[in-house]
Amino acid sequence: MPTRLKDFATAVVAVVEPETSAFVAAQLMRKHHVGALVVVDAAEKSRPVGILTDRDLVLALMAEGLDPEVFTAGDIMSVELVQANPEMDAMDAVALMRRHRLRRLVIVDEAGRLTGVVTMEDILELLTRELADLAAGVIGARDREFEQRA
């Protein structure tokens, strides 16, 4: 049976508004132990408008020697936000991530409201569990066959 994103994606998402300083955004990433924050519309706090990654902070600010207190999440966020539907199959999400060279997808419902995030790590954990279950089934069948022969 296909696994849908809503079955394993992270539902609690760290968010910031576009006006949040890059410095505060970096502190939030550290506090929540995440490498990205979803940037949401200031008025409609459930509608994603971009994503801000730790890489964005490094390349846009740190490498340029710019002041993270002056620049905001909205200044440096990625606005080409690739979104997925909660009903999307995990393997379709992998294909979408590969096509766009992404490590994470923002998940939105039909109304465009943020419902979660799925990361490449989430998908790897899912595949690891699936492979472990498959291996256990194969080993169990082999052991039963061996016992029947003995």
N, C-alpha and C. Protein backbone atom coordinates (compact mmCIF):
# COMPACT_ATOMS: atom_id res chain seq x y z
N MET A 1 0.84 -1.19 0.00
CA MET A 1 0.00 0.00 0.00
C MET A 1 0.89 1.25 0.00
N PRO A 2 0.61 2.23 -0.84
CA PRO A 2 1.43 3.44 -0.89
C PRO A 2 1.38 4.19 0.44
N THR A 3 2.49 4.83 0.76
CA THR A 3 2.56 5.63 1.97
C THR A 3 2.41 7.10 1.59
N ARG A 4 1.44 7.74 2.18
CA ARG A 4 1.17 9.15 1.90
C ARG A 4 2.01 10.03 2.82
N LEU A 5 2.31 11.23 2.37
CA LEU A 5 3.12 12.15 3.16
C LEU A 5 2.50 12.43 4.52
N LYS A 6 1.18 12.54 4.56
CA LYS A 6 0.53 12.86 5.83
C LYS A 6 0.72 11.76 6.86
N ASP A 7 1.13 10.57 6.42
CA ASP A 7 1.32 9.45 7.34
C ASP A 7 2.64 9.52 8.11
N PHE A 8 3.60 10.33 7.62
CA PHE A 8 4.89 10.35 8.30
C PHE A 8 5.59 11.71 8.32
N ALA A 9 5.04 12.70 7.66
CA ALA A 9 5.67 14.02 7.63
C ALA A 9 5.61 14.68 9.01
N THR A 10 6.49 15.62 9.23
CA THR A 10 6.51 16.38 10.46
C THR A 10 5.38 17.40 10.42
N ALA A 11 4.46 17.32 11.37
CA ALA A 11 3.30 18.21 11.38
C ALA A 11 3.57 19.50 12.14
N VAL A 12 4.49 19.46 13.09
CA VAL A 12 4.83 20.67 13.86
C VAL A 12 6.01 21.31 13.15
N VAL A 13 5.77 22.49 12.59
CA VAL A 13 6.75 23.16 11.74
C VAL A 13 7.16 24.49 12.37
N ALA A 14 8.46 24.74 12.40
CA ALA A 14 8.97 26.02 12.87
C ALA A 14 8.78 27.05 11.75
N VAL A 15 8.13 28.16 12.09
CA VAL A 15 7.83 29.19 11.09
C VAL A 15 8.30 30.56 11.57
N VAL A 16 8.47 31.45 10.61
CA VAL A 16 8.75 32.86 10.87
C VAL A 16 7.98 33.68 9.86
N GLU A 17 7.83 34.95 10.16
CA GLU A 17 7.22 35.88 9.22
C GLU A 17 8.33 36.55 8.42
N PRO A 18 8.02 37.09 7.26
CA PRO A 18 9.05 37.71 6.43
C PRO A 18 9.83 38.83 7.13
N GLU A 19 9.19 39.52 8.07
CA GLU A 19 9.84 40.65 8.74
C GLU A 19 10.79 40.23 9.85
N THR A 20 10.83 38.94 10.19
CA THR A 20 11.70 38.45 11.25
C THR A 20 13.15 38.64 10.83
N SER A 21 13.97 39.17 11.75
CA SER A 21 15.38 39.38 11.40
C SER A 21 16.07 38.04 11.16
N ALA A 22 17.07 38.05 10.32
CA ALA A 22 17.83 36.84 10.03
C ALA A 22 18.49 36.33 11.31
N PHE A 23 18.88 37.23 12.18
CA PHE A 23 19.50 36.84 13.45
C PHE A 23 18.52 36.02 14.29
N VAL A 24 17.30 36.53 14.44
CA VAL A 24 16.27 35.81 15.20
C VAL A 24 15.95 34.47 14.52
N ALA A 25 15.91 34.46 13.19
CA ALA A 25 15.64 33.21 12.46
C ALA A 25 16.72 32.18 12.77
N ALA A 26 17.97 32.61 12.78
CA ALA A 26 19.07 31.68 13.09
C ALA A 26 18.93 31.15 14.51
N GLN A 27 18.54 32.01 15.43
CA GLN A 27 18.35 31.57 16.81
C GLN A 27 17.22 30.55 16.91
N LEU A 28 16.15 30.76 16.14
CA LEU A 28 15.04 29.80 16.13
C LEU A 28 15.45 28.45 15.56
N MET A 29 16.28 28.48 14.51
CA MET A 29 16.78 27.23 13.96
C MET A 29 17.56 26.46 15.01
N ARG A 30 18.38 27.17 15.73
CA ARG A 30 19.18 26.53 16.78
C ARG A 30 18.28 25.99 17.89
N LYS A 31 17.33 26.81 18.32
CA LYS A 31 16.42 26.41 19.41
C LYS A 31 15.63 25.16 19.06
N HIS A 32 15.15 25.09 17.82
CA HIS A 32 14.30 23.98 17.40
C HIS A 32 15.08 22.85 16.72
N HIS A 33 16.39 23.01 16.61
CA HIS A 33 17.24 21.99 16.00
C HIS A 33 16.79 21.64 14.59
N VAL A 34 16.56 22.68 13.78
CA VAL A 34 16.14 22.49 12.40
C VAL A 34 17.07 23.25 11.46
N GLY A 35 17.10 22.82 10.23
CA GLY A 35 17.92 23.47 9.23
C GLY A 35 17.14 24.40 8.32
N ALA A 36 15.84 24.54 8.60
CA ALA A 36 15.01 25.41 7.76
C ALA A 36 13.79 25.87 8.54
N LEU A 37 13.33 27.05 8.18
CA LEU A 37 12.10 27.60 8.72
C LEU A 37 11.18 27.92 7.55
N VAL A 38 9.92 27.60 7.70
CA VAL A 38 8.95 27.99 6.68
C VAL A 38 8.56 29.44 6.98
N VAL A 39 8.64 30.27 5.95
CA VAL A 39 8.26 31.67 6.08
C VAL A 39 6.79 31.77 5.70
N VAL A 40 5.98 32.30 6.64
CA VAL A 40 4.54 32.38 6.42
C VAL A 40 4.11 33.83 6.26
N ASP A 41 3.01 34.01 5.58
CA ASP A 41 2.42 35.33 5.37
C ASP A 41 2.12 35.96 6.73
N ALA A 42 2.46 37.23 6.90
CA ALA A 42 2.26 37.91 8.18
C ALA A 42 0.79 37.98 8.57
N ALA A 43 -0.10 38.12 7.60
CA ALA A 43 -1.53 38.21 7.91
C ALA A 43 -2.17 36.83 8.01
N GLU A 44 -1.84 35.96 7.08
CA GLU A 44 -2.36 34.59 7.06
C GLU A 44 -1.26 33.65 7.51
N LYS A 45 -1.11 33.49 8.79
CA LYS A 45 0.04 32.78 9.36
C LYS A 45 0.14 31.31 8.96
N SER A 46 -0.89 30.78 8.33
CA SER A 46 -0.84 29.38 7.90
C SER A 46 -0.48 29.25 6.42
N ARG A 47 -0.25 30.37 5.73
CA ARG A 47 0.05 30.31 4.29
C ARG A 47 1.55 30.52 4.05
N PRO A 48 2.25 29.48 3.60
CA PRO A 48 3.69 29.64 3.35
C PRO A 48 3.97 30.51 2.13
N VAL A 49 4.98 31.37 2.28
CA VAL A 49 5.39 32.24 1.17
C VAL A 49 6.84 32.01 0.77
N GLY A 50 7.56 31.21 1.54
CA GLY A 50 8.95 30.92 1.24
C GLY A 50 9.54 29.98 2.26
N ILE A 51 10.81 29.71 2.10
CA ILE A 51 11.53 28.88 3.06
C ILE A 51 12.91 29.48 3.26
N LEU A 52 13.36 29.45 4.48
CA LEU A 52 14.67 29.99 4.84
C LEU A 52 15.50 28.85 5.41
N THR A 53 16.62 28.57 4.78
CA THR A 53 17.48 27.48 5.22
C THR A 53 18.75 28.02 5.86
N ASP A 54 19.41 27.14 6.60
CA ASP A 54 20.69 27.52 7.17
C ASP A 54 21.68 27.88 6.06
N ARG A 55 21.56 27.22 4.95
CA ARG A 55 22.43 27.53 3.80
C ARG A 55 22.16 28.94 3.27
N ASP A 56 20.89 29.34 3.25
CA ASP A 56 20.56 30.71 2.83
C ASP A 56 21.25 31.72 3.74
N LEU A 57 21.21 31.46 5.04
CA LEU A 57 21.86 32.36 6.00
C LEU A 57 23.36 32.46 5.75
N VAL A 58 23.97 31.33 5.52
CA VAL A 58 25.42 31.31 5.31
C VAL A 58 25.80 32.01 4.01
N LEU A 59 25.16 31.65 2.91
CA LEU A 59 25.55 32.19 1.62
C LEU A 59 25.15 33.65 1.43
N ALA A 60 23.96 34.01 1.90
CA ALA A 60 23.47 35.38 1.67
C ALA A 60 24.05 36.38 2.66
N LEU A 61 24.31 35.94 3.88
CA LEU A 61 24.76 36.89 4.90
C LEU A 61 26.18 36.64 5.37
N MET A 62 26.41 35.48 5.94
CA MET A 62 27.70 35.20 6.56
C MET A 62 28.85 35.34 5.57
N ALA A 63 28.73 34.71 4.41
CA ALA A 63 29.81 34.73 3.42
C ALA A 63 30.05 36.13 2.87
N GLU A 64 29.02 36.96 2.93
CA GLU A 64 29.14 38.33 2.43
C GLU A 64 29.50 39.34 3.54
N GLY A 65 29.56 38.85 4.78
CA GLY A 65 29.88 39.74 5.90
C GLY A 65 28.78 40.73 6.22
N LEU A 66 27.53 40.36 5.94
CA LEU A 66 26.40 41.27 6.17
C LEU A 66 25.82 41.07 7.57
N ASP A 67 25.18 42.09 8.07
CA ASP A 67 24.64 42.09 9.43
C ASP A 67 23.30 41.35 9.47
N PRO A 68 23.22 40.23 10.21
CA PRO A 68 21.97 39.47 10.28
C PRO A 68 20.87 40.18 11.06
N GLU A 69 21.20 41.25 11.75
CA GLU A 69 20.18 42.03 12.47
C GLU A 69 19.47 42.99 11.50
N VAL A 70 20.12 43.32 10.40
CA VAL A 70 19.57 44.27 9.44
C VAL A 70 18.68 43.57 8.42
N PHE A 71 19.08 42.40 7.99
CA PHE A 71 18.34 41.68 6.96
C PHE A 71 17.27 40.80 7.60
N THR A 72 16.21 40.57 6.84
CA THR A 72 15.07 39.79 7.35
C THR A 72 14.97 38.45 6.62
N ALA A 73 14.14 37.60 7.17
CA ALA A 73 13.87 36.31 6.52
C ALA A 73 13.34 36.54 5.11
N GLY A 74 12.49 37.54 4.95
CA GLY A 74 11.93 37.86 3.64
C GLY A 74 12.98 38.31 2.64
N ASP A 75 14.06 38.91 3.13
CA ASP A 75 15.13 39.36 2.23
C ASP A 75 15.91 38.21 1.62
N ILE A 76 16.07 37.14 2.37
CA ILE A 76 16.97 36.08 1.92
C ILE A 76 16.30 34.72 1.71
N MET A 77 15.01 34.62 1.95
CA MET A 77 14.32 33.33 1.80
C MET A 77 14.26 32.92 0.34
N SER A 78 14.08 31.64 0.11
CA SER A 78 13.83 31.12 -1.22
C SER A 78 12.33 31.25 -1.47
N VAL A 79 11.97 31.94 -2.54
CA VAL A 79 10.55 32.18 -2.81
C VAL A 79 9.97 31.18 -3.79
N GLU A 80 10.83 30.43 -4.46
CA GLU A 80 10.35 29.40 -5.38
C GLU A 80 10.06 28.16 -4.54
N LEU A 81 8.95 28.21 -3.83
CA LEU A 81 8.58 27.19 -2.88
C LEU A 81 7.91 26.01 -3.58
N VAL A 82 8.55 24.85 -3.52
CA VAL A 82 7.96 23.65 -4.09
C VAL A 82 7.09 23.03 -3.00
N GLN A 83 5.82 22.85 -3.33
CA GLN A 83 4.86 22.36 -2.34
C GLN A 83 4.34 20.99 -2.73
N ALA A 84 3.93 20.26 -1.70
CA ALA A 84 3.35 18.94 -1.91
C ALA A 84 2.02 18.86 -1.18
N ASN A 85 1.20 17.93 -1.62
CA ASN A 85 -0.10 17.69 -1.00
C ASN A 85 0.04 16.58 0.04
N PRO A 86 -0.69 16.65 1.15
CA PRO A 86 -0.59 15.61 2.17
C PRO A 86 -0.90 14.20 1.65
N GLU A 87 -1.69 14.10 0.58
CA GLU A 87 -2.06 12.81 0.02
C GLU A 87 -1.01 12.25 -0.95
N MET A 88 0.02 13.03 -1.26
CA MET A 88 1.04 12.59 -2.21
C MET A 88 1.75 11.34 -1.70
N ASP A 89 2.00 10.43 -2.61
CA ASP A 89 2.73 9.21 -2.29
C ASP A 89 4.21 9.56 -2.03
N ALA A 90 4.81 8.85 -1.09
CA ALA A 90 6.20 9.11 -0.71
C ALA A 90 7.15 9.02 -1.90
N MET A 91 6.95 8.07 -2.78
CA MET A 91 7.85 7.92 -3.92
C MET A 91 7.66 9.05 -4.94
N ASP A 92 6.44 9.57 -5.04
CA ASP A 92 6.22 10.74 -5.89
C ASP A 92 6.93 11.95 -5.28
N ALA A 93 6.95 12.04 -3.95
CA ALA A 93 7.66 13.13 -3.27
C ALA A 93 9.16 13.02 -3.53
N VAL A 94 9.68 11.80 -3.52
CA VAL A 94 11.11 11.60 -3.81
C VAL A 94 11.42 12.11 -5.22
N ALA A 95 10.58 11.77 -6.18
CA ALA A 95 10.79 12.21 -7.56
C ALA A 95 10.73 13.74 -7.65
N LEU A 96 9.79 14.35 -6.94
CA LEU A 96 9.67 15.81 -6.94
C LEU A 96 10.91 16.45 -6.31
N MET A 97 11.37 15.90 -5.22
CA MET A 97 12.57 16.42 -4.56
C MET A 97 13.79 16.28 -5.46
N ARG A 98 13.90 15.15 -6.13
CA ARG A 98 15.03 14.93 -7.03
C ARG A 98 14.99 15.91 -8.20
N ARG A 99 13.80 16.08 -8.77
CA ARG A 99 13.64 16.97 -9.93
C ARG A 99 14.03 18.41 -9.59
N HIS A 100 13.69 18.84 -8.37
CA HIS A 100 13.98 20.22 -7.97
C HIS A 100 15.24 20.35 -7.11
N ARG A 101 15.93 19.23 -6.89
CA ARG A 101 17.16 19.19 -6.08
C ARG A 101 16.93 19.78 -4.69
N LEU A 102 15.94 19.21 -3.99
CA LEU A 102 15.55 19.70 -2.67
C LEU A 102 15.79 18.64 -1.60
N ARG A 103 15.98 19.10 -0.38
CA ARG A 103 16.10 18.21 0.78
C ARG A 103 14.83 18.21 1.61
N ARG A 104 13.90 19.11 1.29
CA ARG A 104 12.65 19.18 2.05
C ARG A 104 11.54 19.73 1.17
N LEU A 105 10.32 19.31 1.49
CA LEU A 105 9.12 19.79 0.81
C LEU A 105 8.16 20.36 1.84
N VAL A 106 7.57 21.47 1.51
CA VAL A 106 6.53 22.06 2.35
C VAL A 106 5.21 21.43 1.92
N ILE A 107 4.44 20.99 2.90
CA ILE A 107 3.17 20.33 2.60
C ILE A 107 2.03 21.29 2.91
N VAL A 108 1.15 21.46 1.93
CA VAL A 108 0.00 22.35 2.09
C VAL A 108 -1.27 21.61 1.69
N ASP A 109 -2.38 22.00 2.32
CA ASP A 109 -3.67 21.40 1.97
C ASP A 109 -4.25 22.09 0.74
N GLU A 110 -5.47 21.70 0.37
CA GLU A 110 -6.10 22.24 -0.84
C GLU A 110 -6.28 23.76 -0.76
N ALA A 111 -6.40 24.30 0.44
CA ALA A 111 -6.59 25.74 0.62
C ALA A 111 -5.26 26.49 0.69
N GLY A 112 -4.15 25.78 0.56
CA GLY A 112 -2.84 26.42 0.60
C GLY A 112 -2.32 26.66 2.01
N ARG A 113 -2.95 26.00 3.01
CA ARG A 113 -2.50 26.15 4.40
C ARG A 113 -1.41 25.14 4.72
N LEU A 114 -0.42 25.57 5.45
CA LEU A 114 0.69 24.73 5.85
C LEU A 114 0.20 23.60 6.74
N THR A 115 0.55 22.36 6.37
CA THR A 115 0.17 21.21 7.20
C THR A 115 1.38 20.42 7.68
N GLY A 116 2.55 20.68 7.10
CA GLY A 116 3.73 19.95 7.53
C GLY A 116 4.91 20.14 6.61
N VAL A 117 5.96 19.42 6.94
CA VAL A 117 7.19 19.41 6.14
C VAL A 117 7.67 17.97 6.09
N VAL A 118 8.17 17.58 4.94
CA VAL A 118 8.81 16.27 4.83
C VAL A 118 10.24 16.51 4.35
N THR A 119 11.17 15.85 5.01
CA THR A 119 12.58 16.00 4.66
C THR A 119 13.10 14.72 4.02
N MET A 120 14.24 14.84 3.39
CA MET A 120 14.88 13.66 2.83
C MET A 120 15.17 12.66 3.94
N GLU A 121 15.52 13.15 5.13
CA GLU A 121 15.77 12.26 6.26
C GLU A 121 14.51 11.50 6.66
N ASP A 122 13.35 12.16 6.61
CA ASP A 122 12.08 11.49 6.91
C ASP A 122 11.86 10.33 5.93
N ILE A 123 12.13 10.58 4.67
CA ILE A 123 11.92 9.56 3.65
C ILE A 123 12.93 8.42 3.82
N LEU A 124 14.16 8.76 4.15
CA LEU A 124 15.16 7.70 4.38
C LEU A 124 14.77 6.83 5.57
N GLU A 125 14.23 7.44 6.63
CA GLU A 125 13.76 6.65 7.78
C GLU A 125 12.62 5.73 7.37
N LEU A 126 11.69 6.25 6.57
CA LEU A 126 10.58 5.43 6.09
C LEU A 126 11.10 4.25 5.27
N LEU A 127 12.01 4.50 4.35
CA LEU A 127 12.55 3.43 3.52
C LEU A 127 13.33 2.42 4.35
N THR A 128 14.04 2.89 5.36
CA THR A 128 14.79 1.99 6.24
C THR A 128 13.84 1.05 6.96
N ARG A 129 12.73 1.60 7.48
CA ARG A 129 11.73 0.75 8.15
C ARG A 129 11.13 -0.26 7.19
N GLU A 130 10.81 0.20 5.99
CA GLU A 130 10.21 -0.70 4.98
C GLU A 130 11.18 -1.83 4.63
N LEU A 131 12.46 -1.49 4.44
CA LEU A 131 13.45 -2.52 4.11
C LEU A 131 13.67 -3.47 5.28
N ALA A 132 13.66 -2.96 6.50
CA ALA A 132 13.81 -3.82 7.68
C ALA A 132 12.63 -4.79 7.78
N ASP A 133 11.42 -4.30 7.52
CA ASP A 133 10.24 -5.18 7.54
C ASP A 133 10.34 -6.25 6.45
N LEU A 134 10.79 -5.84 5.28
CA LEU A 134 10.96 -6.78 4.19
C LEU A 134 12.00 -7.84 4.55
N ALA A 135 13.12 -7.42 5.09
CA ALA A 135 14.17 -8.36 5.48
C ALA A 135 13.68 -9.31 6.55
N ALA A 136 12.93 -8.80 7.53
CA ALA A 136 12.40 -9.67 8.59
C ALA A 136 11.47 -10.71 8.01
N GLY A 137 10.66 -10.34 7.04
CA GLY A 137 9.75 -11.29 6.39
C GLY A 137 10.50 -12.35 5.62
N VAL A 138 11.53 -11.95 4.89
CA VAL A 138 12.32 -12.90 4.11
C VAL A 138 13.06 -13.86 5.04
N ILE A 139 13.67 -13.31 6.08
CA ILE A 139 14.41 -14.15 7.03
C ILE A 139 13.46 -15.09 7.76
N GLY A 140 12.29 -14.58 8.16
CA GLY A 140 11.30 -15.41 8.84
C GLY A 140 10.83 -16.56 7.95
N ALA A 141 10.59 -16.28 6.69
CA ALA A 141 10.15 -17.33 5.75
C ALA A 141 11.26 -18.36 5.55
N ARG A 142 12.48 -17.89 5.45
CA ARG A 142 13.62 -18.81 5.27
C ARG A 142 13.78 -19.70 6.50
N ASP A 143 13.65 -19.10 7.69
CA ASP A 143 13.77 -19.88 8.93
C ASP A 143 12.66 -20.92 9.05
N ARG A 144 11.44 -20.54 8.67
CA ARG A 144 10.32 -21.49 8.73
C ARG A 144 10.54 -22.65 7.75
N GLU A 145 11.05 -22.31 6.56
CA GLU A 145 11.33 -23.34 5.56
C GLU A 145 12.43 -24.28 6.08
N PHE A 146 13.45 -23.73 6.70
CA PHE A 146 14.54 -24.54 7.25
C PHE A 146 14.03 -25.47 8.35
N GLU A 147 13.16 -24.93 9.22
CA GLU A 147 12.60 -25.74 10.32
C GLU A 147 11.73 -26.88 9.78
N GLN A 148 11.01 -26.62 8.70
CA GLN A 148 10.14 -27.66 8.13
C GLN A 148 10.97 -28.78 7.52
N ARG A 149 12.13 -28.47 6.99
CA ARG A 149 13.00 -29.47 6.38
C ARG A 149 13.71 -30.31 7.44
N ALA A 150 13.91 -29.74 8.61
CA ALA A 150 14.68 -30.43 9.66
C ALA A 150 13.90 -31.49 10.36
